[in-house]
C-alpha atoms as a PDB file:
ATOM      1  CA  MET A   1      99.070  90.026  84.454  1.00  0.00           C
ATOM      2  CA  PRO A   2      95.601  91.371  83.635  1.00  0.00           C
ATOM      3  CA  ALA A   3      95.141  95.050  84.511  1.00  0.00           C
ATOM      4  CA  ALA A   4      92.092  94.385  86.720  1.00  0.00           C
ATOM      5  CA  LEU A   5      94.058  91.882  88.800  1.00  0.00           C
ATOM      6  CA  LEU A   6      96.993  94.279  89.152  1.00  0.00           C
ATOM      7  CA  LEU A   7      94.641  97.027  90.321  1.00  0.00           C
ATOM      8  CA  ASP A   8      92.900  94.699  92.794  1.00  0.00           C
ATOM      9  CA  GLU A   9      96.218  93.524  94.251  1.00  0.00           C
ATOM     10  CA  THR A  10      97.426  97.131  94.498  1.00  0.00           C
ATOM     11  CA  VAL A  11      94.385  98.228  96.511  1.00  0.00           C
ATOM     12  CA  TYR A  12      94.681  95.128  98.726  1.00  0.00           C
ATOM     13  CA  ALA A  13      98.366  95.902  99.385  1.00  0.00           C
ATOM     14  CA  ILE A  14      97.615  99.536 100.290  1.00  0.00           C
ATOM     15  CA  VAL A  15      94.859  98.582 102.726  1.00  0.00           C
ATOM     16  CA  SER A  16      96.830  95.677 104.238  1.00  0.00           C
ATOM     17  CA  ALA A  17     100.027  97.652 104.777  1.00  0.00           C
ATOM     18  CA  SER A  18      98.488 100.760 106.299  1.00  0.00           C
ATOM     19  CA  ASP A  19      95.987 101.993 108.821  1.00  0.00           C
ATOM     20  CA  LEU A  20      94.262 104.143 106.218  1.00  0.00           C
ATOM     21  CA  PRO A  21      90.458 104.210 106.520  1.00  0.00           C
ATOM     22  CA  MET A  22      89.797 103.242 102.906  1.00  0.00           C
ATOM     23  CA  ASN A  23      86.226 101.971 103.370  1.00  0.00           C
ATOM     24  CA  GLY A  24      83.972 103.959 101.101  1.00  0.00           C
ATOM     25  CA  CYS A  25      86.811 105.350  98.994  1.00  0.00           C
ATOM     26  CA  SER A  26      86.758 104.717  95.291  1.00  0.00           C
ATOM     27  CA  ILE A  27      89.401 104.821  92.612  1.00  0.00           C
ATOM     28  CA  SER A  28      88.983 107.930  90.477  1.00  0.00           C
ATOM     29  CA  SER A  29      91.638 107.064  87.963  1.00  0.00           C
ATOM     30  CA  ALA A  30      94.038 104.254  87.095  1.00  0.00           C
ATOM     31  CA  LYS A  31      96.293 104.412  84.065  1.00  0.00           C
ATOM     32  CA  PHE A  32      98.232 101.379  82.869  1.00  0.00           C
ATOM     33  CA  TYR A  33     101.469 102.193  81.064  1.00  0.00           C
ATOM     34  CA  SER A  34     103.219  98.872  80.609  1.00  0.00           C
ATOM     35  CA  PRO A  35     102.392  95.148  80.778  1.00  0.00           C
ATOM     36  CA  VAL A  36     103.650  92.965  83.624  1.00  0.00           C
ATOM     37  CA  ALA A  37     105.144  89.545  82.965  1.00  0.00           C
ATOM     38  CA  PRO A  38     104.348  86.601  85.266  1.00  0.00           C
ATOM     39  CA  GLY A  39     106.751  86.565  88.212  1.00  0.00           C
ATOM     40  CA  GLU A  40     108.016  90.110  87.569  1.00  0.00           C
ATOM     41  CA  LEU A  41     108.975  91.945  90.773  1.00  0.00           C
ATOM     42  CA  LEU A  42     106.902  95.072  91.395  1.00  0.00           C
ATOM     43  CA  ASN A  43     107.355  98.060  93.679  1.00  0.00           C
ATOM     44  CA  LEU A  44     104.351  99.970  95.087  1.00  0.00           C
ATOM     45  CA  ARG A  45     104.655 103.631  96.064  1.00  0.00           C
ATOM     46  CA  VAL A  46     101.816 105.374  97.878  1.00  0.00           C
ATOM     47  CA  ALA A  47     101.538 109.099  98.680  1.00  0.00           C
ATOM     48  CA  VAL A  48      99.212 110.218 101.458  1.00  0.00           C
ATOM     49  CA  LEU A  49      99.235 113.983 101.914  1.00  0.00           C
ATOM     50  CA  ASP A  50      96.787 116.258 103.723  1.00  0.00           C
ATOM     51  CA  ASP A  51      93.947 117.575 101.561  1.00  0.00           C
ATOM     52  CA  THR A  52      95.038 115.717  98.410  1.00  0.00           C
ATOM     53  CA  PRO A  53      93.872 112.415  96.953  1.00  0.00           C
ATOM     54  CA  VAL A  54      95.832 109.295  97.899  1.00  0.00           C
ATOM     55  CA  THR A  55      97.981 108.442  94.862  1.00  0.00           C
ATOM     56  CA  PHE A  56      99.760 105.228  93.983  1.00  0.00           C
ATOM     57  CA  GLU A  57     102.367 104.088  91.480  1.00  0.00           C
ATOM     58  CA  VAL A  58     103.466 100.590  90.550  1.00  0.00           C
ATOM     59  CA  HIS A  59     106.949 100.147  89.078  1.00  0.00           C
ATOM     60  CA  ALA A  60     108.837  97.220  87.601  1.00  0.00           C
ATOM     61  CA  GLY A  61     112.407  98.353  88.158  1.00  0.00           C
ATOM     62  CA  ALA A  62     112.602 101.882  86.747  1.00  0.00           C
ATOM     63  CA  ARG A  63     109.606 101.284  84.445  1.00  0.00           C
ATOM     64  CA  LEU A  64     106.268 102.835  85.458  1.00  0.00           C
ATOM     65  CA  VAL A  65     103.563 100.188  85.135  1.00  0.00           C
ATOM     66  CA  MET A  66     100.516 101.911  86.653  1.00  0.00           C
ATOM     67  CA  PHE A  67      99.529 105.220  88.235  1.00  0.00           C
ATOM     68  CA  GLY A  68      96.259 106.067  89.947  1.00  0.00           C
ATOM     69  CA  TYR A  69      94.473 107.957  92.673  1.00  0.00           C
ATOM     70  CA  PHE A  70      91.473 107.629  94.941  1.00  0.00           C
ATOM     71  CA  SER A  71      88.352 109.811  94.982  1.00  0.00           C
ATOM     72  CA  GLY A  72      89.580 112.477  97.379  1.00  0.00           C
ATOM     73  CA  PRO A  73      91.625 113.226 100.464  1.00  0.00           C
ATOM     74  CA  ILE A  74      91.646 110.404 102.986  1.00  0.00           C
ATOM     75  CA  SER A  75      89.731 112.664 105.385  1.00  0.00           C
ATOM     76  CA  GLU A  76      86.743 112.577 102.969  1.00  0.00           C
ATOM     77  CA  CYS A  77      86.421 108.796 102.925  1.00  0.00           C
ATOM     78  CA  PRO A  78      83.540 107.697 105.163  1.00  0.00           C
END
């Protein structure tokens, strides 16, 4: 799966599965660690803590595929 598509699907999943006000937020960093094969099952983990950027990880089993974070704490997103 192309990295840009994986990142797009990750952001879509975060917004769709939560009530987080993500409008106006931007991704500050996204690091891709491992390729994803077609049909491979992925697990998304999101951390939303006060006064820290929203972070996300994508795993395929125990293997870390991608890690990233948004521009700032959720309270700073317009």
